[in-house]
């Protein structure tokens, strides 16, 4: 049986591909609007667009259905420690480190040092539970 941590990492990689697909669609639509003369301008907008898209994806998915696409495929759910679905503040705060890769590594490493889950999961009182 694969560990919960491994399944969470696989789910995160799957979510990265989902967000990448959204970015591809958005860049294609923006290139149609902007035109071929300013095609590379679309990619200059990504520095602002990608963090927003990542936050919107993770927050909306986890708040509305309790899981992202990757978590759903890996049979994982995000819940409050009392078992209920997470609130908007919990969803926003727990996903702050997912905008870039380095902060999530620090979040995980500090959690391992303190012998707990990710620090933001601890702060927001959320857990990732196994649906199997």
C-alpha atoms as a PDB file:
ATOM      1  CA  UNK A   1       0.000   0.000   0.000  1.00  0.00           C
ATOM      2  CA  UNK A   2       1.271   3.457  -0.882  1.00  0.00           C
ATOM      3  CA  UNK A   3       1.694   5.883   2.015  1.00  0.00           C
ATOM      4  CA  UNK A   4      -0.522   8.914   2.469  1.00  0.00           C
ATOM      5  CA  UNK A   5       2.467  11.201   1.900  1.00  0.00           C
ATOM      6  CA  UNK A   6       3.269   9.559  -1.449  1.00  0.00           C
ATOM      7  CA  UNK A   7      -0.338   9.852  -2.551  1.00  0.00           C
ATOM      8  CA  UNK A   8      -0.360  13.533  -1.577  1.00  0.00           C
ATOM      9  CA  UNK A   9       2.787  14.160  -3.649  1.00  0.00           C
ATOM     10  CA  UNK A  10       1.286  12.331  -6.641  1.00  0.00           C
ATOM     11  CA  UNK A  11      -1.928  14.351  -6.253  1.00  0.00           C
ATOM     12  CA  UNK A  12       0.079  17.586  -6.164  1.00  0.00           C
ATOM     13  CA  UNK A  13       1.910  16.646  -9.377  1.00  0.00           C
ATOM     14  CA  UNK A  14      -1.428  15.817 -11.031  1.00  0.00           C
ATOM     15  CA  UNK A  15      -2.776  19.196  -9.934  1.00  0.00           C
ATOM     16  CA  UNK A  16       0.296  20.852 -11.439  1.00  0.00           C
ATOM     17  CA  UNK A  17      -0.667  19.316 -14.807  1.00  0.00           C
ATOM     18  CA  UNK A  18      -4.268  20.495 -14.421  1.00  0.00           C
ATOM     19  CA  UNK A  19      -3.122  24.057 -13.687  1.00  0.00           C
ATOM     20  CA  UNK A  20      -0.694  23.834 -16.628  1.00  0.00           C
ATOM     21  CA  UNK A  21      -3.581  22.865 -18.906  1.00  0.00           C
ATOM     22  CA  UNK A  22      -5.551  25.896 -17.694  1.00  0.00           C
ATOM     23  CA  UNK A  23      -2.507  28.086 -18.327  1.00  0.00           C
ATOM     24  CA  UNK A  24      -2.197  26.720 -21.853  1.00  0.00           C
ATOM     25  CA  UNK A  25      -5.864  27.462 -22.580  1.00  0.00           C
ATOM     26  CA  UNK A  26      -5.612  30.963 -21.121  1.00  0.00           C
ATOM     27  CA  UNK A  27      -2.413  31.716 -23.056  1.00  0.00           C
ATOM     28  CA  UNK A  28      -4.021  30.508 -26.270  1.00  0.00           C
ATOM     29  CA  UNK A  29      -7.109  32.664 -25.739  1.00  0.00           C
ATOM     30  CA  UNK A  30      -4.980  35.678 -24.811  1.00  0.00           C
ATOM     31  CA  UNK A  31      -2.837  35.212 -27.911  1.00  0.00           C
ATOM     32  CA  UNK A  32      -5.991  35.264 -30.042  1.00  0.00           C
ATOM     33  CA  UNK A  33      -7.077  38.522 -28.429  1.00  0.00           C
ATOM     34  CA  UNK A  34      -3.660  40.194 -28.479  1.00  0.00           C
ATOM     35  CA  UNK A  35      -2.664  39.039 -31.947  1.00  0.00           C
ATOM     36  CA  UNK A  36       0.548  37.672 -33.430  1.00  0.00           C
ATOM     37  CA  UNK A  37       2.487  40.958 -33.211  1.00  0.00           C
ATOM     38  CA  UNK A  38       2.450  40.861 -29.380  1.00  0.00           C
ATOM     39  CA  UNK A  39       2.509  37.095 -28.897  1.00  0.00           C
ATOM     40  CA  UNK A  40       5.318  37.129 -26.300  1.00  0.00           C
ATOM     41  CA  UNK A  41       3.473  39.707 -24.235  1.00  0.00           C
ATOM     42  CA  UNK A  42       1.169  36.877 -23.159  1.00  0.00           C
ATOM     43  CA  UNK A  43       4.072  35.152 -21.396  1.00  0.00           C
ATOM     44  CA  UNK A  44       5.069  38.348 -19.634  1.00  0.00           C
ATOM     45  CA  UNK A  45       1.625  38.361 -18.023  1.00  0.00           C
ATOM     46  CA  UNK A  46       2.195  34.878 -16.571  1.00  0.00           C
ATOM     47  CA  UNK A  47       4.241  36.161 -13.643  1.00  0.00           C
ATOM     48  CA  UNK A  48       1.022  37.753 -12.364  1.00  0.00           C
ATOM     49  CA  UNK A  49      -1.484  35.281 -13.770  1.00  0.00           C
ATOM     50  CA  UNK A  50       0.009  31.974 -12.577  1.00  0.00           C
ATOM     51  CA  UNK A  51      -0.059  32.644  -8.795  1.00  0.00           C
ATOM     52  CA  UNK A  52      -3.644  33.870  -9.064  1.00  0.00           C
ATOM     53  CA  UNK A  53      -4.671  30.835 -11.107  1.00  0.00           C
ATOM     54  CA  UNK A  54      -2.985  28.432  -8.674  1.00  0.00           C
ATOM     55  CA  UNK A  55      -4.675  29.998  -5.644  1.00  0.00           C
ATOM     56  CA  UNK A  56      -8.083  30.106  -7.335  1.00  0.00           C
ATOM     57  CA  UNK A  57      -7.814  26.469  -8.431  1.00  0.00           C
ATOM     58  CA  UNK A  58      -6.744  25.045  -5.069  1.00  0.00           C
ATOM     59  CA  UNK A  59      -9.010  27.244  -2.942  1.00  0.00           C
ATOM     60  CA  UNK A  60     -12.151  26.741  -5.041  1.00  0.00           C
ATOM     61  CA  UNK A  61     -11.684  22.990  -5.408  1.00  0.00           C
ATOM     62  CA  UNK A  62     -10.895  22.350  -1.754  1.00  0.00           C
ATOM     63  CA  UNK A  63     -13.634  24.643  -0.475  1.00  0.00           C
ATOM     64  CA  UNK A  64     -16.401  23.523  -2.835  1.00  0.00           C
ATOM     65  CA  UNK A  65     -15.864  19.743  -3.050  1.00  0.00           C
ATOM     66  CA  UNK A  66     -13.175  19.085  -0.445  1.00  0.00           C
ATOM     67  CA  UNK A  67     -10.530  17.995  -2.940  1.00  0.00           C
ATOM     68  CA  UNK A  68      -8.674  19.036  -6.062  1.00  0.00           C
ATOM     69  CA  UNK A  69      -8.641  16.872  -9.184  1.00  0.00           C
ATOM     70  CA  UNK A  70      -5.417  15.180  -8.077  1.00  0.00           C
ATOM     71  CA  UNK A  71      -6.709  14.546  -4.564  1.00  0.00           C
ATOM     72  CA  UNK A  72      -9.954  13.125  -5.956  1.00  0.00           C
ATOM     73  CA  UNK A  73      -8.053  10.714  -8.207  1.00  0.00           C
ATOM     74  CA  UNK A  74      -5.901   9.641  -5.241  1.00  0.00           C
ATOM     75  CA  UNK A  75      -9.009   9.312  -2.993  1.00  0.00           C
ATOM     76  CA  UNK A  76      -8.014  12.092  -0.609  1.00  0.00           C
ATOM     77  CA  UNK A  77     -10.149  14.797   1.021  1.00  0.00           C
ATOM     78  CA  UNK A  78      -9.334  17.987   2.908  1.00  0.00           C
ATOM     79  CA  UNK A  79     -11.364  18.377   6.086  1.00  0.00           C
ATOM     80  CA  UNK A  80     -11.367  20.389   9.271  1.00  0.00           C
ATOM     81  CA  UNK A  81     -10.190  18.466  12.295  1.00  0.00           C
ATOM     82  CA  UNK A  82     -13.798  18.240  13.472  1.00  0.00           C
ATOM     83  CA  UNK A  83     -14.700  16.383  10.230  1.00  0.00           C
ATOM     84  CA  UNK A  84     -16.587  19.167   8.459  1.00  0.00           C
ATOM     85  CA  UNK A  85     -15.689  20.743   5.141  1.00  0.00           C
ATOM     86  CA  UNK A  86     -13.152  23.558   5.355  1.00  0.00           C
ATOM     87  CA  UNK A  87     -14.087  27.244   5.443  1.00  0.00           C
ATOM     88  CA  UNK A  88     -12.923  29.974   3.068  1.00  0.00           C
ATOM     89  CA  UNK A  89     -10.208  31.277   5.433  1.00  0.00           C
ATOM     90  CA  UNK A  90      -8.939  27.747   6.011  1.00  0.00           C
ATOM     91  CA  UNK A  91      -8.809  27.088   2.260  1.00  0.00           C
ATOM     92  CA  UNK A  92      -6.955  30.318   1.538  1.00  0.00           C
ATOM     93  CA  UNK A  93      -4.405  30.042   4.341  1.00  0.00           C
ATOM     94  CA  UNK A  94      -3.586  26.351   3.842  1.00  0.00           C
ATOM     95  CA  UNK A  95      -2.880  26.936   0.135  1.00  0.00           C
ATOM     96  CA  UNK A  96      -0.596  29.963   0.473  1.00  0.00           C
ATOM     97  CA  UNK A  97       2.556  27.864   0.044  1.00  0.00           C
ATOM     98  CA  UNK A  98       1.336  26.164  -3.121  1.00  0.00           C
ATOM     99  CA  UNK A  99       1.936  29.213  -5.267  1.00  0.00           C
ATOM    100  CA  UNK A 100       5.620  28.333  -5.600  1.00  0.00           C
ATOM    101  CA  UNK A 101       7.519  25.077  -4.916  1.00  0.00           C
ATOM    102  CA  UNK A 102      10.094  26.334  -2.393  1.00  0.00           C
ATOM    103  CA  UNK A 103       7.638  27.481   0.327  1.00  0.00           C
ATOM    104  CA  UNK A 104       5.786  24.158   0.274  1.00  0.00           C
ATOM    105  CA  UNK A 105       9.086  22.333   0.827  1.00  0.00           C
ATOM    106  CA  UNK A 106       9.827  24.540   3.850  1.00  0.00           C
ATOM    107  CA  UNK A 107       6.269  24.050   5.109  1.00  0.00           C
ATOM    108  CA  UNK A 108       6.705  20.274   4.894  1.00  0.00           C
ATOM    109  CA  UNK A 109      10.250  20.259   6.355  1.00  0.00           C
ATOM    110  CA  UNK A 110       9.297  22.398   9.366  1.00  0.00           C
ATOM    111  CA  UNK A 111       6.298  20.129   9.907  1.00  0.00           C
ATOM    112  CA  UNK A 112       8.592  17.085   9.939  1.00  0.00           C
ATOM    113  CA  UNK A 113      10.970  18.763  12.398  1.00  0.00           C
ATOM    114  CA  UNK A 114       8.058  19.561  14.733  1.00  0.00           C
ATOM    115  CA  UNK A 115       6.650  16.047  14.212  1.00  0.00           C
ATOM    116  CA  UNK A 116       3.378  17.268  12.735  1.00  0.00           C
ATOM    117  CA  UNK A 117       1.788  17.616   9.323  1.00  0.00           C
ATOM    118  CA  UNK A 118       2.423  20.723   7.215  1.00  0.00           C
ATOM    119  CA  UNK A 119       2.602  23.850   9.356  1.00  0.00           C
ATOM    120  CA  UNK A 120      -0.282  25.538   7.530  1.00  0.00           C
ATOM    121  CA  UNK A 121      -2.456  22.459   8.071  1.00  0.00           C
ATOM    122  CA  UNK A 122      -1.617  22.705  11.763  1.00  0.00           C
ATOM    123  CA  UNK A 123      -2.384  26.444  11.873  1.00  0.00           C
ATOM    124  CA  UNK A 124      -5.693  26.096   9.998  1.00  0.00           C
ATOM    125  CA  UNK A 125      -6.667  22.910  11.866  1.00  0.00           C
ATOM    126  CA  UNK A 126      -7.161  20.948   8.659  1.00  0.00           C
ATOM    127  CA  UNK A 127      -6.203  17.408   7.731  1.00  0.00           C
ATOM    128  CA  UNK A 128      -5.985  15.410   4.525  1.00  0.00           C
ATOM    129  CA  UNK A 129      -7.971  12.226   5.037  1.00  0.00           C
ATOM    130  CA  UNK A 130      -8.004   8.933   3.172  1.00  0.00           C
ATOM    131  CA  UNK A 131     -11.318   8.156   1.452  1.00  0.00           C
ATOM    132  CA  UNK A 132     -10.556   4.479   0.890  1.00  0.00           C
END
